PDB file of all heavy atoms in Angstrom:
ATOM      1  N   SER A   1     -61.090  40.236 173.047  1.00  0.00           N
ATOM      2  CA  SER A   1     -61.040  39.066 173.937  1.00  0.00           C
ATOM      3  C   SER A   1     -60.811  37.758 173.174  1.00  0.00           C
ATOM      4  O   SER A   1     -60.380  36.770 173.754  1.00  0.00           O
ATOM      5  CB  SER A   1     -62.331  38.972 174.746  1.00  0.00           C
ATOM      6  OG  SER A   1     -63.440  38.776 173.886  1.00  0.00           O
ATOM      7  N   ALA A   2     -61.071  37.744 171.868  1.00  0.00           N
ATOM      8  CA  ALA A   2     -60.880  36.531 171.063  1.00  0.00           C
ATOM      9  C   ALA A   2     -59.540  36.512 170.328  1.00  0.00           C
ATOM     10  O   ALA A   2     -59.186  35.497 169.724  1.00  0.00           O
ATOM     11  CB  ALA A   2     -62.010  36.412 170.044  1.00  0.00           C
ATOM     12  N   LEU A   3     -58.797  37.601 170.403  1.00  0.00           N
ATOM     13  CA  LEU A   3     -57.581  37.731 169.605  1.00  0.00           C
ATOM     14  C   LEU A   3     -56.508  36.704 169.959  1.00  0.00           C
ATOM     15  O   LEU A   3     -55.909  36.097 169.074  1.00  0.00           O
ATOM     16  CB  LEU A   3     -57.019  39.146 169.731  1.00  0.00           C
ATOM     17  CG  LEU A   3     -55.843  39.475 168.825  1.00  0.00           C
ATOM     18  CD1 LEU A   3     -56.227  39.310 167.366  1.00  0.00           C
ATOM     19  CD2 LEU A   3     -55.363  40.880 169.097  1.00  0.00           C
ATOM     20  N   ARG A   4     -56.267  36.479 171.234  1.00  0.00           N
ATOM     21  CA  ARG A   4     -55.221  35.541 171.649  1.00  0.00           C
ATOM     22  C   ARG A   4     -55.502  34.130 171.130  1.00  0.00           C
ATOM     23  O   ARG A   4     -54.645  33.495 170.525  1.00  0.00           O
ATOM     24  CB  ARG A   4     -55.073  35.521 173.165  1.00  0.00           C
ATOM     25  CG  ARG A   4     -53.998  34.550 173.650  1.00  0.00           C
ATOM     26  CD  ARG A   4     -53.884  34.531 175.166  1.00  0.00           C
ATOM     27  NE  ARG A   4     -53.423  35.795 175.692  1.00  0.00           N
ATOM     28  CZ  ARG A   4     -52.126  36.083 175.897  1.00  0.00           C
ATOM     29  NH1 ARG A   4     -51.215  35.194 175.617  1.00  0.00           N
ATOM     30  NH2 ARG A   4     -51.778  37.244 176.385  1.00  0.00           N
ATOM     31  N   ALA A   5     -56.725  33.640 171.322  1.00  0.00           N
ATOM     32  CA  ALA A   5     -57.078  32.293 170.865  1.00  0.00           C
ATOM     33  C   ALA A   5     -57.005  32.196 169.344  1.00  0.00           C
ATOM     34  O   ALA A   5     -56.495  31.209 168.797  1.00  0.00           O
ATOM     35  CB  ALA A   5     -58.472  31.912 171.351  1.00  0.00           C
ATOM     36  N   LEU A   6     -57.480  33.217 168.648  1.00  0.00           N
ATOM     37  CA  LEU A   6     -57.428  33.234 167.187  1.00  0.00           C
ATOM     38  C   LEU A   6     -55.984  33.182 166.692  1.00  0.00           C
ATOM     39  O   LEU A   6     -55.655  32.435 165.769  1.00  0.00           O
ATOM     40  CB  LEU A   6     -58.134  34.484 166.654  1.00  0.00           C
ATOM     41  CG  LEU A   6     -58.176  34.643 165.143  1.00  0.00           C
ATOM     42  CD1 LEU A   6     -59.063  33.571 164.526  1.00  0.00           C
ATOM     43  CD2 LEU A   6     -58.704  36.015 164.776  1.00  0.00           C
ATOM     44  N   THR A   7     -55.118  33.948 167.317  1.00  0.00           N
ATOM     45  CA  THR A   7     -53.708  33.983 166.933  1.00  0.00           C
ATOM     46  C   THR A   7     -53.052  32.622 167.114  1.00  0.00           C
ATOM     47  O   THR A   7     -52.387  32.104 166.213  1.00  0.00           O
ATOM     48  CB  THR A   7     -52.947  35.043 167.749  1.00  0.00           C
ATOM     49  OG1 THR A   7     -53.553  36.323 167.520  1.00  0.00           O
ATOM     50  CG2 THR A   7     -51.483  35.095 167.370  1.00  0.00           C
ATOM     51  N   TRP A   8     -53.233  31.997 168.279  1.00  0.00           N
ATOM     52  CA  TRP A   8     -52.603  30.697 168.543  1.00  0.00           C
ATOM     53  C   TRP A   8     -53.203  29.600 167.667  1.00  0.00           C
ATOM     54  O   TRP A   8     -52.485  28.694 167.225  1.00  0.00           O
ATOM     55  CB  TRP A   8     -52.674  30.346 170.018  1.00  0.00           C
ATOM     56  CG  TRP A   8     -51.680  31.149 170.809  1.00  0.00           C
ATOM     57  CD1 TRP A   8     -51.953  32.187 171.642  1.00  0.00           C
ATOM     58  CD2 TRP A   8     -50.258  31.001 170.797  1.00  0.00           C
ATOM     59  NE1 TRP A   8     -50.790  32.702 172.150  1.00  0.00           N
ATOM     60  CE2 TRP A   8     -49.731  31.984 171.650  1.00  0.00           C
ATOM     61  CE3 TRP A   8     -49.377  30.142 170.140  1.00  0.00           C
ATOM     62  CZ2 TRP A   8     -48.354  32.120 171.867  1.00  0.00           C
ATOM     63  CZ3 TRP A   8     -48.021  30.279 170.368  1.00  0.00           C
ATOM     64  CH2 TRP A   8     -47.523  31.264 171.220  1.00  0.00           C
ATOM     65  N   ASP A   9     -54.490  29.682 167.379  1.00  0.00           N
ATOM     66  CA  ASP A   9     -55.107  28.706 166.466  1.00  0.00           C
ATOM     67  C   ASP A   9     -54.517  28.836 165.064  1.00  0.00           C
ATOM     68  O   ASP A   9     -54.266  27.834 164.389  1.00  0.00           O
ATOM     69  CB  ASP A   9     -56.624  28.889 166.401  1.00  0.00           C
ATOM     70  CG  ASP A   9     -57.334  28.421 167.658  1.00  0.00           C
ATOM     71  OD1 ASP A   9     -56.691  27.754 168.496  1.00  0.00           O
ATOM     72  OD2 ASP A   9     -58.531  28.738 167.796  1.00  0.00           O
ATOM     73  N   PHE A  10     -54.274  30.068 164.621  1.00  0.00           N
ATOM     74  CA  PHE A  10     -53.711  30.268 163.288  1.00  0.00           C
ATOM     75  C   PHE A  10     -52.260  29.801 163.234  1.00  0.00           C
ATOM     76  O   PHE A  10     -51.828  29.216 162.242  1.00  0.00           O
ATOM     77  CB  PHE A  10     -53.834  31.729 162.857  1.00  0.00           C
ATOM     78  CG  PHE A  10     -53.439  31.939 161.423  1.00  0.00           C
ATOM     79  CD1 PHE A  10     -54.193  31.388 160.392  1.00  0.00           C
ATOM     80  CD2 PHE A  10     -52.316  32.671 161.091  1.00  0.00           C
ATOM     81  CE1 PHE A  10     -53.837  31.557 159.065  1.00  0.00           C
ATOM     82  CE2 PHE A  10     -51.944  32.851 159.762  1.00  0.00           C
ATOM     83  CZ  PHE A  10     -52.711  32.293 158.759  1.00  0.00           C
ATOM     84  N   ILE A  11     -51.510  30.023 164.298  1.00  0.00           N
ATOM     85  CA  ILE A  11     -50.124  29.528 164.353  1.00  0.00           C
ATOM     86  C   ILE A  11     -50.113  28.002 164.268  1.00  0.00           C
ATOM     87  O   ILE A  11     -49.311  27.415 163.540  1.00  0.00           O
ATOM     88  CB  ILE A  11     -49.418  30.037 165.629  1.00  0.00           C
ATOM     89  CG1 ILE A  11     -49.123  31.533 165.479  1.00  0.00           C
ATOM     90  CG2 ILE A  11     -48.144  29.239 165.914  1.00  0.00           C
ATOM     91  CD1 ILE A  11     -48.631  32.206 166.728  1.00  0.00           C
ATOM     92  N   ALA A  12     -51.023  27.350 164.978  1.00  0.00           N
ATOM     93  CA  ALA A  12     -51.119  25.885 164.916  1.00  0.00           C
ATOM     94  C   ALA A  12     -51.492  25.424 163.508  1.00  0.00           C
ATOM     95  O   ALA A  12     -50.965  24.418 163.006  1.00  0.00           O
ATOM     96  CB  ALA A  12     -52.142  25.383 165.930  1.00  0.00           C
ATOM     97  N   LEU A  13     -52.377  26.152 162.859  1.00  0.00           N
ATOM     98  CA  LEU A  13     -52.786  25.825 161.487  1.00  0.00           C
ATOM     99  C   LEU A  13     -51.609  25.960 160.518  1.00  0.00           C
ATOM    100  O   LEU A  13     -51.401  25.105 159.655  1.00  0.00           O
ATOM    101  CB  LEU A  13     -53.928  26.757 161.073  1.00  0.00           C
ATOM    102  CG  LEU A  13     -54.726  26.392 159.847  1.00  0.00           C
ATOM    103  CD1 LEU A  13     -55.501  25.099 160.080  1.00  0.00           C
ATOM    104  CD2 LEU A  13     -55.702  27.516 159.514  1.00  0.00           C
ATOM    105  N   LYS A  14     -50.822  27.012 160.675  1.00  0.00           N
ATOM    106  CA  LYS A  14     -49.646  27.187 159.827  1.00  0.00           C
ATOM    107  C   LYS A  14     -48.681  26.022 160.005  1.00  0.00           C
ATOM    108  O   LYS A  14     -48.135  25.503 159.030  1.00  0.00           O
ATOM    109  CB  LYS A  14     -48.943  28.506 160.156  1.00  0.00           C
ATOM    110  CG  LYS A  14     -49.690  29.719 159.642  1.00  0.00           C
ATOM    111  CD  LYS A  14     -49.098  31.002 160.168  1.00  0.00           C
ATOM    112  CE  LYS A  14     -47.900  31.443 159.398  1.00  0.00           C
ATOM    113  NZ  LYS A  14     -47.484  32.831 159.751  1.00  0.00           N
ATOM    114  N   LYS A  15     -48.478  25.593 161.244  1.00  0.00           N
ATOM    115  CA  LYS A  15     -47.578  24.466 161.499  1.00  0.00           C
ATOM    116  C   LYS A  15     -48.137  23.167 160.912  1.00  0.00           C
ATOM    117  O   LYS A  15     -47.379  22.336 160.416  1.00  0.00           O
ATOM    118  CB  LYS A  15     -47.349  24.294 162.991  1.00  0.00           C
ATOM    119  CG  LYS A  15     -46.441  25.337 163.595  1.00  0.00           C
ATOM    120  CD  LYS A  15     -46.230  25.052 165.062  1.00  0.00           C
ATOM    121  CE  LYS A  15     -45.191  25.934 165.668  1.00  0.00           C
ATOM    122  NZ  LYS A  15     -44.907  25.578 167.060  1.00  0.00           N
ATOM    123  N   GLN A  16     -49.437  23.010 160.962  1.00  0.00           N
ATOM    124  CA  GLN A  16     -50.056  21.798 160.430  1.00  0.00           C
ATOM    125  C   GLN A  16     -49.892  21.712 158.915  1.00  0.00           C
ATOM    126  O   GLN A  16     -49.635  20.641 158.367  1.00  0.00           O
ATOM    127  CB  GLN A  16     -51.536  21.754 160.797  1.00  0.00           C
ATOM    128  CG  GLN A  16     -52.244  20.518 160.270  1.00  0.00           C
ATOM    129  CD  GLN A  16     -53.724  20.488 160.635  1.00  0.00           C
ATOM    130  OE1 GLN A  16     -54.219  21.304 161.404  1.00  0.00           O
ATOM    131  NE2 GLN A  16     -54.434  19.549 160.056  1.00  0.00           N
ATOM    132  N   PHE A  17     -50.041  22.832 158.232  1.00  0.00           N
ATOM    133  CA  PHE A  17     -50.028  22.820 156.769  1.00  0.00           C
ATOM    134  C   PHE A  17     -48.718  23.295 156.148  1.00  0.00           C
ATOM    135  O   PHE A  17     -48.594  23.328 154.933  1.00  0.00           O
ATOM    136  CB  PHE A  17     -51.216  23.619 156.228  1.00  0.00           C
ATOM    137  CG  PHE A  17     -52.506  22.908 156.473  1.00  0.00           C
ATOM    138  CD1 PHE A  17     -53.298  23.227 157.562  1.00  0.00           C
ATOM    139  CD2 PHE A  17     -52.914  21.870 155.648  1.00  0.00           C
ATOM    140  CE1 PHE A  17     -54.489  22.546 157.811  1.00  0.00           C
ATOM    141  CE2 PHE A  17     -54.093  21.189 155.886  1.00  0.00           C
ATOM    142  CZ  PHE A  17     -54.878  21.523 156.967  1.00  0.00           C
ATOM    143  N   ARG A  18     -47.746  23.646 156.944  1.00  0.00           N
ATOM    144  CA  ARG A  18     -46.382  23.934 156.491  1.00  0.00           C
ATOM    145  C   ARG A  18     -45.456  23.076 157.350  1.00  0.00           C
ATOM    146  O   ARG A  18     -44.926  23.533 158.361  1.00  0.00           O
ATOM    147  CB  ARG A  18     -46.016  25.407 156.681  1.00  0.00           C
ATOM    148  CG  ARG A  18     -46.672  26.343 155.728  1.00  0.00           C
ATOM    149  CD  ARG A  18     -45.915  26.354 154.395  1.00  0.00           C
ATOM    150  NE  ARG A  18     -46.379  27.415 153.553  1.00  0.00           N
ATOM    151  CZ  ARG A  18     -47.266  27.235 152.579  1.00  0.00           C
ATOM    152  NH1 ARG A  18     -47.768  26.058 152.350  1.00  0.00           N
ATOM    153  NH2 ARG A  18     -47.631  28.248 151.831  1.00  0.00           N
ATOM    154  N   PRO A  19     -45.257  21.819 156.955  1.00  0.00           N
ATOM    155  CA  PRO A  19     -44.469  20.889 157.773  1.00  0.00           C
ATOM    156  C   PRO A  19     -43.083  21.402 158.165  1.00  0.00           C
ATOM    157  O   PRO A  19     -42.570  21.040 159.225  1.00  0.00           O
ATOM    158  CB  PRO A  19     -44.357  19.646 156.882  1.00  0.00           C
ATOM    159  CG  PRO A  19     -45.544  19.724 155.987  1.00  0.00           C
ATOM    160  CD  PRO A  19     -45.769  21.191 155.743  1.00  0.00           C
ATOM    161  N   THR A  20     -42.472  22.257 157.353  1.00  0.00           N
ATOM    162  CA  THR A  20     -41.151  22.785 157.696  1.00  0.00           C
ATOM    163  C   THR A  20     -41.195  23.672 158.943  1.00  0.00           C
ATOM    164  O   THR A  20     -40.168  23.886 159.579  1.00  0.00           O
ATOM    165  CB  THR A  20     -40.561  23.594 156.528  1.00  0.00           C
ATOM    166  OG1 THR A  20     -41.474  24.639 156.173  1.00  0.00           O
ATOM    167  CG2 THR A  20     -40.312  22.713 155.322  1.00  0.00           C
ATOM    168  N   LEU A  21     -42.373  24.170 159.290  1.00  0.00           N
ATOM    169  CA  LEU A  21     -42.498  25.036 160.472  1.00  0.00           C
ATOM    170  C   LEU A  21     -42.714  24.246 161.767  1.00  0.00           C
ATOM    171  O   LEU A  21     -42.626  24.812 162.855  1.00  0.00           O
ATOM    172  CB  LEU A  21     -43.665  26.013 160.288  1.00  0.00           C
ATOM    173  CG  LEU A  21     -43.511  27.028 159.165  1.00  0.00           C
ATOM    174  CD1 LEU A  21     -44.773  27.862 159.045  1.00  0.00           C
ATOM    175  CD2 LEU A  21     -42.299  27.914 159.404  1.00  0.00           C
ATOM    176  N   ARG A  22     -42.996  22.970 161.651  1.00  0.00           N
ATOM    177  CA  ARG A  22     -43.287  22.167 162.851  1.00  0.00           C
ATOM    178  C   ARG A  22     -42.137  22.153 163.836  1.00  0.00           C
ATOM    179  O   ARG A  22     -42.352  22.074 165.037  1.00  0.00           O
ATOM    180  CB  ARG A  22     -43.670  20.747 162.455  1.00  0.00           C
ATOM    181  CG  ARG A  22     -45.014  20.697 161.779  1.00  0.00           C
ATOM    182  CD  ARG A  22     -45.415  19.294 161.417  1.00  0.00           C
ATOM    183  NE  ARG A  22     -46.628  19.349 160.605  1.00  0.00           N
ATOM    184  CZ  ARG A  22     -46.982  18.421 159.750  1.00  0.00           C
ATOM    185  NH1 ARG A  22     -46.247  17.333 159.604  1.00  0.00           N
ATOM    186  NH2 ARG A  22     -48.072  18.563 159.036  1.00  0.00           N
ATOM    187  N   ASN A  23     -40.925  22.193 163.328  1.00  0.00           N
ATOM    188  CA  ASN A  23     -39.749  22.143 164.203  1.00  0.00           C
ATOM    189  C   ASN A  23     -39.034  23.482 164.287  1.00  0.00           C
ATOM    190  O   ASN A  23     -37.844  23.523 164.602  1.00  0.00           O
ATOM    191  CB  ASN A  23     -38.778  21.056 163.702  1.00  0.00           C
ATOM    192  CG  ASN A  23     -39.417  19.681 163.736  1.00  0.00           C
ATOM    193  OD1 ASN A  23     -40.148  19.351 164.657  1.00  0.00           O
ATOM    194  ND2 ASN A  23     -39.153  18.891 162.713  1.00  0.00           N
ATOM    195  N   ALA A  24     -39.744  24.553 164.005  1.00  0.00           N
ATOM    196  CA  ALA A  24     -39.137  25.889 164.064  1.00  0.00           C
ATOM    197  C   ALA A  24     -38.653  26.166 165.479  1.00  0.00           C
ATOM    198  O   ALA A  24     -39.345  25.887 166.459  1.00  0.00           O
ATOM    199  CB  ALA A  24     -40.139  26.946 163.640  1.00  0.00           C
ATOM    200  N   VAL A  25     -37.448  26.699 165.573  1.00  0.00           N
ATOM    201  CA  VAL A  25     -36.852  26.986 166.877  1.00  0.00           C
ATOM    202  C   VAL A  25     -37.470  28.245 167.484  1.00  0.00           C
ATOM    203  O   VAL A  25     -37.707  28.309 168.681  1.00  0.00           O
ATOM    204  CB  VAL A  25     -35.321  27.145 166.737  1.00  0.00           C
ATOM    205  CG1 VAL A  25     -34.688  27.528 168.059  1.00  0.00           C
ATOM    206  CG2 VAL A  25     -34.709  25.866 166.189  1.00  0.00           C
ATOM    207  N   LYS A  26     -37.746  29.217 166.645  1.00  0.00           N
ATOM    208  CA  LYS A  26     -38.272  30.498 167.126  1.00  0.00           C
ATOM    209  C   LYS A  26     -39.715  30.697 166.676  1.00  0.00           C
ATOM    210  O   LYS A  26     -40.061  30.435 165.525  1.00  0.00           O
ATOM    211  CB  LYS A  26     -37.430  31.652 166.595  1.00  0.00           C
ATOM    212  CG  LYS A  26     -36.007  31.643 167.108  1.00  0.00           C
ATOM    213  CD  LYS A  26     -35.262  32.828 166.571  1.00  0.00           C
ATOM    214  CE  LYS A  26     -33.836  32.835 167.089  1.00  0.00           C
ATOM    215  NZ  LYS A  26     -33.108  33.997 166.607  1.00  0.00           N
ATOM    216  N   LEU A  27     -40.547  31.181 167.580  1.00  0.00           N
ATOM    217  CA  LEU A  27     -41.931  31.495 167.258  1.00  0.00           C
ATOM    218  C   LEU A  27     -42.006  32.556 166.163  1.00  0.00           C
ATOM    219  O   LEU A  27     -42.871  32.503 165.296  1.00  0.00           O
ATOM    220  CB  LEU A  27     -42.666  31.968 168.510  1.00  0.00           C
ATOM    221  CG  LEU A  27     -44.117  32.376 168.352  1.00  0.00           C
ATOM    222  CD1 LEU A  27     -44.952  31.204 167.837  1.00  0.00           C
ATOM    223  CD2 LEU A  27     -44.670  32.890 169.664  1.00  0.00           C
ATOM    224  N   SER A  28     -41.063  33.499 166.170  1.00  0.00           N
ATOM    225  CA  SER A  28     -41.068  34.567 165.166  1.00  0.00           C
ATOM    226  C   SER A  28     -40.926  34.010 163.750  1.00  0.00           C
ATOM    227  O   SER A  28     -41.439  34.585 162.796  1.00  0.00           O
ATOM    228  CB  SER A  28     -39.950  35.573 165.444  1.00  0.00           C
ATOM    229  OG  SER A  28     -38.682  34.939 165.401  1.00  0.00           O
ATOM    230  N   GLU A  29     -40.244  32.869 163.602  1.00  0.00           N
ATOM    231  CA  GLU A  29     -40.111  32.239 162.285  1.00  0.00           C
ATOM    232  C   GLU A  29     -41.473  31.779 161.768  1.00  0.00           C
ATOM    233  O   GLU A  29     -41.794  31.955 160.598  1.00  0.00           O
ATOM    234  CB  GLU A  29     -39.159  31.048 162.376  1.00  0.00           C
ATOM    235  CG  GLU A  29     -38.889  30.372 161.064  1.00  0.00           C
ATOM    236  CD  GLU A  29     -37.950  29.177 161.203  1.00  0.00           C
ATOM    237  OE1 GLU A  29     -37.298  29.039 162.249  1.00  0.00           O
ATOM    238  OE2 GLU A  29     -37.895  28.386 160.258  1.00  0.00           O
ATOM    239  N   VAL A  30     -42.286  31.229 162.646  1.00  0.00           N
ATOM    240  CA  VAL A  30     -43.626  30.783 162.269  1.00  0.00           C
ATOM    241  C   VAL A  30     -44.502  31.986 161.945  1.00  0.00           C
ATOM    242  O   VAL A  30     -45.230  31.995 160.955  1.00  0.00           O
ATOM    243  CB  VAL A  30     -44.268  29.932 163.385  1.00  0.00           C
ATOM    244  CG1 VAL A  30     -45.675  29.496 162.992  1.00  0.00           C
ATOM    245  CG2 VAL A  30     -43.402  28.733 163.721  1.00  0.00           C
ATOM    246  N   ILE A  31     -44.410  33.009 162.757  1.00  0.00           N
ATOM    247  CA  ILE A  31     -45.242  34.202 162.569  1.00  0.00           C
ATOM    248  C   ILE A  31     -44.899  34.904 161.260  1.00  0.00           C
ATOM    249  O   ILE A  31     -45.794  35.331 160.520  1.00  0.00           O
ATOM    250  CB  ILE A  31     -45.097  35.156 163.771  1.00  0.00           C
ATOM    251  CG1 ILE A  31     -45.723  34.514 165.008  1.00  0.00           C
ATOM    252  CG2 ILE A  31     -45.718  36.515 163.481  1.00  0.00           C
ATOM    253  CD1 ILE A  31     -45.434  35.240 166.299  1.00  0.00           C
ATOM    254  N   ARG A  32     -43.612  35.015 160.933  1.00  0.00           N
ATOM    255  CA  ARG A  32     -43.187  35.728 159.713  1.00  0.00           C
ATOM    256  C   ARG A  32     -43.492  34.964 158.430  1.00  0.00           C
ATOM    257  O   ARG A  32     -43.594  35.563 157.360  1.00  0.00           O
ATOM    258  CB  ARG A  32     -41.695  36.027 159.773  1.00  0.00           C
ATOM    259  CG  ARG A  32     -41.337  37.211 160.625  1.00  0.00           C
ATOM    260  CD  ARG A  32     -39.906  37.662 160.364  1.00  0.00           C
ATOM    261  NE  ARG A  32     -38.962  36.566 160.260  1.00  0.00           N
ATOM    262  CZ  ARG A  32     -38.194  36.111 161.253  1.00  0.00           C
ATOM    263  NH1 ARG A  32     -38.288  36.659 162.442  1.00  0.00           N
ATOM    264  NH2 ARG A  32     -37.346  35.127 161.064  1.00  0.00           N
ATOM    265  N   THR A  33     -43.625  33.659 158.510  1.00  0.00           N
ATOM    266  CA  THR A  33     -43.870  32.860 157.306  1.00  0.00           C
ATOM    267  C   THR A  33     -45.309  33.054 156.852  1.00  0.00           C
ATOM    268  O   THR A  33     -46.247  32.784 157.592  1.00  0.00           O
ATOM    269  CB  THR A  33     -43.599  31.366 157.579  1.00  0.00           C
ATOM    270  OG1 THR A  33     -42.243  31.229 158.009  1.00  0.00           O
ATOM    271  CG2 THR A  33     -43.839  30.539 156.350  1.00  0.00           C
ATOM    272  N   GLU A  34     -45.468  33.531 155.612  1.00  0.00           N
ATOM    273  CA  GLU A  34     -46.798  33.777 155.073  1.00  0.00           C
ATOM    274  C   GLU A  34     -47.342  32.541 154.368  1.00  0.00           C
ATOM    275  O   GLU A  34     -46.583  31.749 153.822  1.00  0.00           O
ATOM    276  CB  GLU A  34     -46.762  34.910 154.047  1.00  0.00           C
ATOM    277  CG  GLU A  34     -46.563  36.277 154.642  1.00  0.00           C
ATOM    278  CD  GLU A  34     -46.731  37.344 153.582  1.00  0.00           C
ATOM    279  OE1 GLU A  34     -47.892  37.707 153.297  1.00  0.00           O
ATOM    280  OE2 GLU A  34     -45.709  37.795 153.051  1.00  0.00           O
ATOM    281  N   ILE A  35     -48.632  32.400 154.408  1.00  0.00           N
ATOM    282  CA  ILE A  35     -49.318  31.427 153.560  1.00  0.00           C
ATOM    283  C   ILE A  35     -49.994  32.256 152.483  1.00  0.00           C
ATOM    284  O   ILE A  35     -50.971  32.950 152.741  1.00  0.00           O
ATOM    285  CB  ILE A  35     -50.347  30.603 154.362  1.00  0.00           C
ATOM    286  CG1 ILE A  35     -49.642  29.781 155.428  1.00  0.00           C
ATOM    287  CG2 ILE A  35     -51.147  29.713 153.420  1.00  0.00           C
ATOM    288  CD1 ILE A  35     -50.569  28.969 156.303  1.00  0.00           C
ATOM    289  N   LYS A  36     -49.424  32.227 151.294  1.00  0.00           N
ATOM    290  CA  LYS A  36     -49.900  33.076 150.208  1.00  0.00           C
ATOM    291  C   LYS A  36     -51.047  32.401 149.465  1.00  0.00           C
ATOM    292  O   LYS A  36     -50.981  31.220 149.134  1.00  0.00           O
ATOM    293  CB  LYS A  36     -48.771  33.368 149.221  1.00  0.00           C
ATOM    294  CG  LYS A  36     -47.558  34.056 149.819  1.00  0.00           C
ATOM    295  CD  LYS A  36     -47.859  35.438 150.294  1.00  0.00           C
ATOM    296  CE  LYS A  36     -47.958  36.406 149.157  1.00  0.00           C
ATOM    297  NZ  LYS A  36     -48.240  37.768 149.565  1.00  0.00           N
ATOM    298  N   GLY A  37     -52.080  33.160 149.190  1.00  0.00           N
ATOM    299  CA  GLY A  37     -53.211  32.657 148.417  1.00  0.00           C
ATOM    300  C   GLY A  37     -52.793  32.191 147.035  1.00  0.00           C
ATOM    301  O   GLY A  37     -53.321  31.209 146.504  1.00  0.00           O
TER     302      GLY A  37
END
């Protein structure tokens, strides 16, 4: 029941900390981009 909110929160976090993803045309581009430790 928490998976959807967790997923969208993480996508927003990726966009916040990877400025190049803010204007991504496709959601799949954001999802495929990894944040490597």
